[in-house]
Amino acid sequence: MDIAYKKRPYRPCVGILLINSNNHIFAGQRIDNHLEAWQMPQGGIDEGEDVTTACFREMKEEIGTDKATILAIHSEWLNYDIPEVLANKLWHRKYRGQTQKWVALRFQGSDADINIGTPIPEFSNWCWVIPEKLPNLAAPFKRKVYEHVLTEFKPYLKQN
């Protein structure tokens, strides 16, 4: 492992736990991933942007809609390291992974409002997933963060 890799900072990012009326969570299959990994929407927080603004911008950019209301914002920043080989291909070798502020939202639209065919697509496919299955669908380096997020936002995932 390159010592310089471990000294890199984390990229500030927002993570989006989008919950539908059946208490299922939005998951998308990354368009650039050769793995069968799925993820929740996420993305960098632009300079001067707050978490809420970044959340709705990223949602619109990645899934074509921002029809949702915020339920809660996680109190902590959660970090994960990206495998060094991948980190060396991303962000001009500037970061070792991401630090994320997670937001739980209730989806207020219909499935027809979701459009992953955005101008710069992130996902090749999408679905609603029951919470218990989500961590195992994610890339291995994201699973602990996903488990933590699901635990933190469990009160919002209760069946009606």
N, C-alpha and C. Protein backbone atom coordinates (compact mmCIF):
# COMPACT_ATOMS: atom_id res chain seq x y z
N MET A 1 0.85 -1.18 0.00
CA MET A 1 0.00 0.00 0.00
C MET A 1 0.89 1.24 0.00
N ASP A 2 0.52 2.18 -0.82
CA ASP A 2 1.23 3.46 -0.92
C ASP A 2 0.93 4.29 0.33
N ILE A 3 1.98 4.73 1.01
CA ILE A 3 1.81 5.54 2.23
C ILE A 3 1.03 6.82 1.91
N ALA A 4 1.27 7.38 0.74
CA ALA A 4 0.59 8.61 0.35
C ALA A 4 -0.93 8.40 0.27
N TYR A 5 -1.36 7.20 -0.12
CA TYR A 5 -2.78 6.89 -0.19
C TYR A 5 -3.44 7.07 1.18
N LYS A 6 -2.84 6.54 2.23
CA LYS A 6 -3.41 6.62 3.57
C LYS A 6 -3.41 8.05 4.12
N LYS A 7 -2.59 8.92 3.57
CA LYS A 7 -2.53 10.31 4.03
C LYS A 7 -3.54 11.20 3.30
N ARG A 8 -4.16 10.68 2.27
CA ARG A 8 -5.14 11.48 1.54
C ARG A 8 -6.37 11.74 2.41
N PRO A 9 -7.02 12.89 2.21
CA PRO A 9 -8.26 13.17 2.96
C PRO A 9 -9.44 12.41 2.35
N TYR A 10 -10.56 12.52 3.02
CA TYR A 10 -11.82 11.98 2.50
C TYR A 10 -12.57 13.06 1.75
N ARG A 11 -13.26 12.66 0.70
CA ARG A 11 -14.07 13.58 -0.10
C ARG A 11 -15.41 13.81 0.61
N PRO A 12 -15.77 15.08 0.89
CA PRO A 12 -17.07 15.36 1.51
C PRO A 12 -18.21 15.01 0.55
N CYS A 13 -19.18 14.31 1.07
CA CYS A 13 -20.22 13.74 0.22
C CYS A 13 -21.53 13.66 1.00
N VAL A 14 -22.63 13.63 0.29
CA VAL A 14 -23.94 13.40 0.89
C VAL A 14 -24.42 12.03 0.43
N GLY A 15 -25.06 11.30 1.34
CA GLY A 15 -25.67 10.02 1.02
C GLY A 15 -27.18 10.13 1.20
N ILE A 16 -27.93 9.46 0.33
CA ILE A 16 -29.38 9.63 0.30
C ILE A 16 -30.08 8.29 0.52
N LEU A 17 -30.77 8.16 1.65
CA LEU A 17 -31.60 7.00 1.94
C LEU A 17 -33.02 7.41 1.59
N LEU A 18 -33.46 7.03 0.40
CA LEU A 18 -34.77 7.41 -0.11
C LEU A 18 -35.74 6.26 0.14
N ILE A 19 -36.79 6.55 0.91
CA ILE A 19 -37.74 5.52 1.36
C ILE A 19 -39.09 5.74 0.68
N ASN A 20 -39.62 4.68 0.07
CA ASN A 20 -40.94 4.82 -0.56
C ASN A 20 -42.07 4.51 0.44
N SER A 21 -43.29 4.53 -0.03
CA SER A 21 -44.46 4.34 0.85
C SER A 21 -44.54 2.92 1.41
N ASN A 22 -43.83 1.96 0.81
CA ASN A 22 -43.78 0.59 1.31
C ASN A 22 -42.59 0.36 2.23
N ASN A 23 -41.88 1.44 2.56
CA ASN A 23 -40.68 1.37 3.40
C ASN A 23 -39.55 0.57 2.75
N HIS A 24 -39.50 0.63 1.43
CA HIS A 24 -38.38 0.07 0.68
C HIS A 24 -37.46 1.23 0.30
N ILE A 25 -36.21 0.89 0.04
CA ILE A 25 -35.17 1.90 -0.20
C ILE A 25 -34.73 1.86 -1.67
N PHE A 26 -34.54 3.05 -2.22
CA PHE A 26 -34.05 3.16 -3.60
C PHE A 26 -32.62 2.65 -3.67
N ALA A 27 -32.36 1.80 -4.67
CA ALA A 27 -30.99 1.35 -4.96
C ALA A 27 -30.79 1.37 -6.47
N GLY A 28 -29.61 1.82 -6.88
CA GLY A 28 -29.27 1.85 -8.29
C GLY A 28 -28.00 1.07 -8.55
N GLN A 29 -27.95 0.44 -9.72
CA GLN A 29 -26.74 -0.28 -10.13
C GLN A 29 -25.89 0.70 -10.92
N ARG A 30 -24.66 0.94 -10.44
CA ARG A 30 -23.78 1.91 -11.08
C ARG A 30 -23.52 1.51 -12.52
N ILE A 31 -23.56 2.50 -13.38
CA ILE A 31 -23.37 2.28 -14.81
C ILE A 31 -21.92 1.92 -15.14
N ASP A 32 -20.97 2.38 -14.30
CA ASP A 32 -19.55 2.17 -14.58
C ASP A 32 -18.94 1.05 -13.75
N ASN A 33 -19.75 0.24 -13.13
CA ASN A 33 -19.25 -0.79 -12.23
C ASN A 33 -19.38 -2.16 -12.87
N HIS A 34 -18.28 -2.88 -12.96
CA HIS A 34 -18.33 -4.23 -13.51
C HIS A 34 -18.84 -5.24 -12.48
N LEU A 35 -18.91 -4.82 -11.22
CA LEU A 35 -19.46 -5.68 -10.18
C LEU A 35 -20.98 -5.65 -10.26
N GLU A 36 -21.60 -6.52 -9.54
CA GLU A 36 -23.06 -6.50 -9.45
C GLU A 36 -23.52 -5.64 -8.27
N ALA A 37 -22.70 -4.70 -7.88
CA ALA A 37 -22.99 -3.87 -6.71
C ALA A 37 -24.03 -2.80 -7.01
N TRP A 38 -24.86 -2.56 -6.01
CA TRP A 38 -25.89 -1.54 -6.07
C TRP A 38 -25.59 -0.53 -4.97
N GLN A 39 -26.11 0.68 -5.13
CA GLN A 39 -25.88 1.68 -4.10
C GLN A 39 -27.04 2.65 -4.03
N MET A 40 -27.08 3.37 -2.92
CA MET A 40 -28.03 4.45 -2.77
C MET A 40 -27.43 5.68 -3.43
N PRO A 41 -28.25 6.64 -3.84
CA PRO A 41 -27.70 7.86 -4.44
C PRO A 41 -26.74 8.55 -3.47
N GLN A 42 -25.70 9.14 -4.03
CA GLN A 42 -24.72 9.85 -3.23
C GLN A 42 -23.92 10.75 -4.16
N GLY A 43 -23.23 11.72 -3.58
CA GLY A 43 -22.38 12.56 -4.41
C GLY A 43 -21.72 13.65 -3.61
N GLY A 44 -20.75 14.26 -4.24
CA GLY A 44 -19.96 15.29 -3.57
C GLY A 44 -20.75 16.51 -3.19
N ILE A 45 -20.32 17.13 -2.11
CA ILE A 45 -20.90 18.40 -1.68
C ILE A 45 -20.03 19.49 -2.28
N ASP A 46 -20.63 20.31 -3.11
CA ASP A 46 -19.90 21.39 -3.78
C ASP A 46 -19.51 22.48 -2.79
N GLU A 47 -18.45 23.18 -3.10
CA GLU A 47 -18.00 24.28 -2.24
C GLU A 47 -19.13 25.29 -2.05
N GLY A 48 -19.35 25.67 -0.80
CA GLY A 48 -20.39 26.64 -0.47
C GLY A 48 -21.79 26.04 -0.34
N GLU A 49 -21.91 24.74 -0.55
CA GLU A 49 -23.21 24.07 -0.53
C GLU A 49 -23.44 23.44 0.85
N ASP A 50 -24.66 23.50 1.36
CA ASP A 50 -24.95 22.79 2.60
C ASP A 50 -25.47 21.38 2.27
N VAL A 51 -25.62 20.57 3.29
CA VAL A 51 -26.00 19.17 3.10
C VAL A 51 -27.36 19.04 2.42
N THR A 52 -28.33 19.84 2.86
CA THR A 52 -29.67 19.76 2.28
C THR A 52 -29.66 20.12 0.79
N THR A 53 -29.00 21.19 0.44
CA THR A 53 -28.92 21.60 -0.97
C THR A 53 -28.24 20.52 -1.79
N ALA A 54 -27.13 19.99 -1.30
CA ALA A 54 -26.41 18.93 -2.01
C ALA A 54 -27.29 17.69 -2.17
N CYS A 55 -28.04 17.35 -1.13
CA CYS A 55 -28.92 16.19 -1.17
C CYS A 55 -29.93 16.30 -2.31
N PHE A 56 -30.65 17.40 -2.38
CA PHE A 56 -31.67 17.54 -3.43
C PHE A 56 -31.05 17.69 -4.82
N ARG A 57 -29.90 18.35 -4.91
CA ARG A 57 -29.22 18.47 -6.21
C ARG A 57 -28.78 17.09 -6.69
N GLU A 58 -28.13 16.31 -5.81
CA GLU A 58 -27.66 14.98 -6.21
C GLU A 58 -28.82 14.06 -6.58
N MET A 59 -29.91 14.14 -5.83
CA MET A 59 -31.07 13.32 -6.15
C MET A 59 -31.57 13.64 -7.55
N LYS A 60 -31.69 14.92 -7.85
CA LYS A 60 -32.18 15.34 -9.17
C LYS A 60 -31.20 14.90 -10.26
N GLU A 61 -29.89 15.07 -10.01
CA GLU A 61 -28.87 14.69 -11.00
C GLU A 61 -28.82 13.19 -11.25
N GLU A 62 -29.03 12.39 -10.20
CA GLU A 62 -28.84 10.95 -10.33
C GLU A 62 -30.10 10.17 -10.66
N ILE A 63 -31.26 10.61 -10.14
CA ILE A 63 -32.48 9.84 -10.38
C ILE A 63 -33.59 10.66 -11.02
N GLY A 64 -33.27 11.90 -11.40
CA GLY A 64 -34.20 12.70 -12.19
C GLY A 64 -35.36 13.32 -11.43
N THR A 65 -35.38 13.19 -10.13
CA THR A 65 -36.46 13.78 -9.33
C THR A 65 -35.93 14.19 -7.96
N ASP A 66 -36.61 15.15 -7.39
CA ASP A 66 -36.31 15.54 -6.01
C ASP A 66 -37.61 15.58 -5.19
N LYS A 67 -38.56 14.77 -5.60
CA LYS A 67 -39.86 14.72 -4.92
C LYS A 67 -39.74 13.90 -3.64
N ALA A 68 -39.28 14.56 -2.60
CA ALA A 68 -39.08 13.90 -1.32
C ALA A 68 -39.05 14.93 -0.21
N THR A 69 -39.32 14.48 0.99
CA THR A 69 -39.20 15.34 2.16
C THR A 69 -38.19 14.71 3.12
N ILE A 70 -37.42 15.56 3.76
CA ILE A 70 -36.40 15.09 4.69
C ILE A 70 -37.05 14.61 5.98
N LEU A 71 -36.64 13.42 6.40
CA LEU A 71 -37.08 12.85 7.67
C LEU A 71 -36.05 13.11 8.76
N ALA A 72 -34.77 12.97 8.40
CA ALA A 72 -33.70 13.14 9.38
C ALA A 72 -32.36 13.26 8.67
N ILE A 73 -31.43 13.93 9.34
CA ILE A 73 -30.05 14.02 8.87
C ILE A 73 -29.18 13.38 9.94
N HIS A 74 -28.33 12.46 9.54
CA HIS A 74 -27.46 11.75 10.49
C HIS A 74 -26.58 12.76 11.22
N SER A 75 -26.38 12.53 12.50
CA SER A 75 -25.62 13.47 13.31
C SER A 75 -24.11 13.39 13.07
N GLU A 76 -23.64 12.29 12.50
CA GLU A 76 -22.20 12.08 12.30
C GLU A 76 -21.85 12.01 10.82
N TRP A 77 -20.57 12.25 10.55
CA TRP A 77 -20.00 11.99 9.23
C TRP A 77 -19.49 10.56 9.25
N LEU A 78 -19.83 9.78 8.25
CA LEU A 78 -19.40 8.38 8.16
C LEU A 78 -18.38 8.24 7.03
N ASN A 79 -17.27 7.59 7.32
CA ASN A 79 -16.19 7.45 6.35
C ASN A 79 -16.07 6.03 5.82
N TYR A 80 -15.62 5.92 4.58
CA TYR A 80 -15.18 4.63 4.06
C TYR A 80 -14.03 4.85 3.10
N ASP A 81 -13.10 3.92 3.13
CA ASP A 81 -11.97 3.92 2.20
C ASP A 81 -12.37 3.18 0.94
N ILE A 82 -11.95 3.70 -0.18
CA ILE A 82 -12.12 3.03 -1.46
C ILE A 82 -10.85 2.21 -1.69
N PRO A 83 -10.95 1.02 -2.24
CA PRO A 83 -9.72 0.27 -2.51
C PRO A 83 -8.71 1.15 -3.27
N GLU A 84 -7.45 1.03 -2.89
CA GLU A 84 -6.41 1.91 -3.43
C GLU A 84 -6.38 1.93 -4.96
N VAL A 85 -6.52 0.79 -5.58
CA VAL A 85 -6.49 0.72 -7.04
C VAL A 85 -7.58 1.61 -7.65
N LEU A 86 -8.77 1.58 -7.05
CA LEU A 86 -9.88 2.41 -7.52
C LEU A 86 -9.66 3.88 -7.16
N ALA A 87 -9.22 4.13 -5.94
CA ALA A 87 -8.97 5.52 -5.51
C ALA A 87 -7.93 6.20 -6.40
N ASN A 88 -6.98 5.44 -6.91
CA ASN A 88 -5.95 6.01 -7.79
C ASN A 88 -6.49 6.40 -9.16
N LYS A 89 -7.70 5.91 -9.50
CA LYS A 89 -8.32 6.25 -10.78
C LYS A 89 -9.33 7.38 -10.66
N LEU A 90 -9.70 7.71 -9.42
CA LEU A 90 -10.76 8.70 -9.19
C LEU A 90 -10.19 10.00 -8.64
N TRP A 91 -10.85 11.07 -8.92
CA TRP A 91 -10.61 12.37 -8.29
C TRP A 91 -9.14 12.81 -8.35
N HIS A 92 -8.45 12.44 -9.41
CA HIS A 92 -7.04 12.85 -9.61
C HIS A 92 -6.15 12.45 -8.43
N ARG A 93 -6.43 11.27 -7.85
CA ARG A 93 -5.64 10.74 -6.72
C ARG A 93 -5.67 11.65 -5.49
N LYS A 94 -6.71 12.46 -5.39
CA LYS A 94 -6.78 13.44 -4.30
C LYS A 94 -7.33 12.85 -3.00
N TYR A 95 -8.22 11.85 -3.09
CA TYR A 95 -8.90 11.32 -1.91
C TYR A 95 -8.65 9.83 -1.76
N ARG A 96 -8.80 9.35 -0.52
CA ARG A 96 -8.68 7.92 -0.24
C ARG A 96 -10.05 7.26 -0.10
N GLY A 97 -11.08 8.06 -0.01
CA GLY A 97 -12.43 7.57 0.16
C GLY A 97 -13.36 8.74 0.36
N GLN A 98 -14.47 8.46 1.00
CA GLN A 98 -15.47 9.50 1.18
C GLN A 98 -15.89 9.62 2.64
N THR A 99 -16.20 10.84 3.05
CA THR A 99 -16.85 11.09 4.33
C THR A 99 -18.25 11.58 3.97
N GLN A 100 -19.25 10.92 4.52
CA GLN A 100 -20.62 11.17 4.08
C GLN A 100 -21.52 11.62 5.23
N LYS A 101 -22.36 12.57 4.91
CA LYS A 101 -23.46 12.98 5.79
C LYS A 101 -24.71 12.38 5.15
N TRP A 102 -25.36 11.48 5.88
CA TRP A 102 -26.50 10.77 5.34
C TRP A 102 -27.81 11.46 5.68
N VAL A 103 -28.73 11.43 4.71
CA VAL A 103 -30.04 12.05 4.85
C VAL A 103 -31.10 10.99 4.54
N ALA A 104 -32.07 10.84 5.44
CA ALA A 104 -33.22 9.97 5.20
C ALA A 104 -34.35 10.83 4.67
N LEU A 105 -34.95 10.37 3.57
CA LEU A 105 -36.05 11.11 2.95
C LEU A 105 -37.20 10.17 2.62
N ARG A 106 -38.42 10.71 2.70
CA ARG A 106 -39.61 9.98 2.26
C ARG A 106 -39.92 10.41 0.84
N PHE A 107 -39.95 9.45 -0.08
CA PHE A 107 -40.25 9.73 -1.48
C PHE A 107 -41.71 10.12 -1.61
N GLN A 108 -41.96 11.26 -2.25
CA GLN A 108 -43.32 11.79 -2.40
C GLN A 108 -43.88 11.63 -3.81
N GLY A 109 -43.08 11.08 -4.71
CA GLY A 109 -43.53 10.93 -6.08
C GLY A 109 -44.01 9.52 -6.38
N SER A 110 -44.10 9.24 -7.67
CA SER A 110 -44.44 7.88 -8.13
C SER A 110 -43.21 7.33 -8.86
N ASP A 111 -43.22 6.03 -9.09
CA ASP A 111 -42.10 5.43 -9.80
C ASP A 111 -41.87 6.09 -11.16
N ALA A 112 -42.91 6.60 -11.77
CA ALA A 112 -42.79 7.26 -13.07
C ALA A 112 -41.95 8.54 -12.98
N ASP A 113 -41.83 9.11 -11.80
CA ASP A 113 -41.02 10.33 -11.63
C ASP A 113 -39.52 10.03 -11.65
N ILE A 114 -39.17 8.78 -11.41
CA ILE A 114 -37.75 8.40 -11.38
C ILE A 114 -37.26 8.18 -12.80
N ASN A 115 -36.17 8.85 -13.12
CA ASN A 115 -35.58 8.76 -14.46
C ASN A 115 -34.07 8.70 -14.32
N ILE A 116 -33.52 7.49 -14.45
CA ILE A 116 -32.07 7.35 -14.32
C ILE A 116 -31.36 7.69 -15.62
N GLY A 117 -32.11 7.98 -16.67
CA GLY A 117 -31.53 8.39 -17.95
C GLY A 117 -31.23 9.88 -17.95
N THR A 118 -30.47 10.32 -16.96
CA THR A 118 -30.14 11.73 -16.80
C THR A 118 -29.02 12.13 -17.76
N PRO A 119 -28.74 13.44 -17.90
CA PRO A 119 -27.69 13.86 -18.83
C PRO A 119 -26.32 13.20 -18.57
N ILE A 120 -25.98 12.99 -17.32
CA ILE A 120 -24.75 12.25 -16.98
C ILE A 120 -25.19 11.08 -16.10
N PRO A 121 -25.59 9.96 -16.71
CA PRO A 121 -26.17 8.86 -15.94
C PRO A 121 -25.19 8.21 -14.98
N GLU A 122 -25.71 7.88 -13.80
CA GLU A 122 -24.93 7.17 -12.77
C GLU A 122 -25.32 5.70 -12.71
N PHE A 123 -26.60 5.42 -13.03
CA PHE A 123 -27.13 4.07 -12.84
C PHE A 123 -27.60 3.48 -14.17
N SER A 124 -27.44 2.14 -14.28
CA SER A 124 -27.94 1.42 -15.45
C SER A 124 -29.28 0.75 -15.15
N ASN A 125 -29.61 0.63 -13.87
CA ASN A 125 -30.84 -0.02 -13.45
C ASN A 125 -31.17 0.47 -12.05
N TRP A 126 -32.41 0.32 -11.63
CA TRP A 126 -32.79 0.71 -10.28
C TRP A 126 -33.94 -0.15 -9.79
N CYS A 127 -34.11 -0.17 -8.46
CA CYS A 127 -35.23 -0.90 -7.86
C CYS A 127 -35.44 -0.41 -6.43
N TRP A 128 -36.55 -0.82 -5.86
CA TRP A 128 -36.81 -0.59 -4.44
C TRP A 128 -36.43 -1.87 -3.71
N VAL A 129 -35.67 -1.74 -2.63
CA VAL A 129 -35.12 -2.89 -1.93
C VAL A 129 -35.60 -2.88 -0.48
N ILE A 130 -35.89 -4.06 0.05
CA ILE A 130 -36.20 -4.12 1.47
C ILE A 130 -34.91 -3.82 2.24
N PRO A 131 -35.01 -3.09 3.35
CA PRO A 131 -33.81 -2.64 4.05
C PRO A 131 -32.82 -3.76 4.40
N GLU A 132 -33.31 -4.91 4.81
CA GLU A 132 -32.43 -6.00 5.24
C GLU A 132 -31.51 -6.50 4.13
N LYS A 133 -31.94 -6.37 2.88
CA LYS A 133 -31.14 -6.88 1.76
C LYS A 133 -30.13 -5.87 1.22
N LEU A 134 -30.31 -4.62 1.56
CA LEU A 134 -29.48 -3.57 0.96
C LEU A 134 -27.97 -3.73 1.20
N PRO A 135 -27.51 -3.95 2.44
CA PRO A 135 -26.06 -4.03 2.63
C PRO A 135 -25.37 -5.10 1.78
N ASN A 136 -26.01 -6.24 1.60
CA ASN A 136 -25.38 -7.31 0.81
C ASN A 136 -25.36 -7.03 -0.68
N LEU A 137 -26.13 -6.07 -1.14
CA LEU A 137 -26.11 -5.67 -2.54
C LEU A 137 -25.01 -4.65 -2.83
N ALA A 138 -24.53 -4.01 -1.78
CA ALA A 138 -23.54 -2.92 -1.92
C ALA A 138 -22.13 -3.47 -2.12
N ALA A 139 -21.26 -2.62 -2.64
CA ALA A 139 -19.84 -2.96 -2.74
C ALA A 139 -19.33 -3.26 -1.33
N PRO A 140 -18.46 -4.24 -1.17
CA PRO A 140 -17.99 -4.62 0.17
C PRO A 140 -17.46 -3.45 1.00
N PHE A 141 -16.78 -2.49 0.39
CA PHE A 141 -16.21 -1.39 1.16
C PHE A 141 -17.25 -0.39 1.66
N LYS A 142 -18.49 -0.51 1.19
CA LYS A 142 -19.56 0.38 1.64
C LYS A 142 -20.50 -0.28 2.66
N ARG A 143 -20.38 -1.57 2.86
CA ARG A 143 -21.38 -2.31 3.65
C ARG A 143 -21.49 -1.85 5.09
N LYS A 144 -20.38 -1.59 5.76
CA LYS A 144 -20.45 -1.15 7.17
C LYS A 144 -21.18 0.19 7.29
N VAL A 145 -20.91 1.09 6.36
CA VAL A 145 -21.61 2.38 6.37
C VAL A 145 -23.11 2.15 6.16
N TYR A 146 -23.47 1.30 5.21
CA TYR A 146 -24.88 1.03 4.95
C TYR A 146 -25.56 0.43 6.18
N GLU A 147 -24.89 -0.49 6.84
CA GLU A 147 -25.46 -1.09 8.05
C GLU A 147 -25.66 -0.03 9.13
N HIS A 148 -24.69 0.86 9.28
CA HIS A 148 -24.80 1.94 10.27
C HIS A 148 -25.97 2.87 9.93
N VAL A 149 -26.09 3.24 8.67
CA VAL A 149 -27.17 4.13 8.22
C VAL A 149 -28.53 3.49 8.48
N LEU A 150 -28.67 2.22 8.17
CA LEU A 150 -29.95 1.53 8.39
C LEU A 150 -30.29 1.46 9.87
N THR A 151 -29.30 1.26 10.71
CA THR A 151 -29.54 1.24 12.15
C THR A 151 -29.97 2.62 12.64
N GLU A 152 -29.26 3.64 12.20
CA GLU A 152 -29.56 5.02 12.63
C GLU A 152 -30.97 5.45 12.22
N PHE A 153 -31.37 5.08 11.01
CA PHE A 153 -32.65 5.53 10.48
C PHE A 153 -33.77 4.47 10.61
N LYS A 154 -33.54 3.46 11.42
CA LYS A 154 -34.52 2.38 11.60
C LYS A 154 -35.92 2.89 11.98
N PRO A 155 -36.03 3.93 12.83
CA PRO A 155 -37.39 4.40 13.17
C PRO A 155 -38.21 4.85 11.95
N TYR A 156 -37.55 5.22 10.88
CA TYR A 156 -38.26 5.69 9.68
C TYR A 156 -38.57 4.55 8.72
N LEU A 157 -38.10 3.34 9.05
CA LEU A 157 -38.28 2.19 8.18
C LEU A 157 -39.30 1.20 8.73
N LYS A 158 -40.01 1.59 9.76
CA LYS A 158 -41.01 0.70 10.34
C LYS A 158 -42.20 0.54 9.39
N GLN A 159 -42.72 -0.67 9.35
CA GLN A 159 -43.89 -0.93 8.52
C GLN A 159 -45.10 -0.21 9.11
N ASN A 160 -45.93 0.31 8.23
CA ASN A 160 -47.14 1.05 8.67
C ASN A 160 -48.20 0.11 9.18
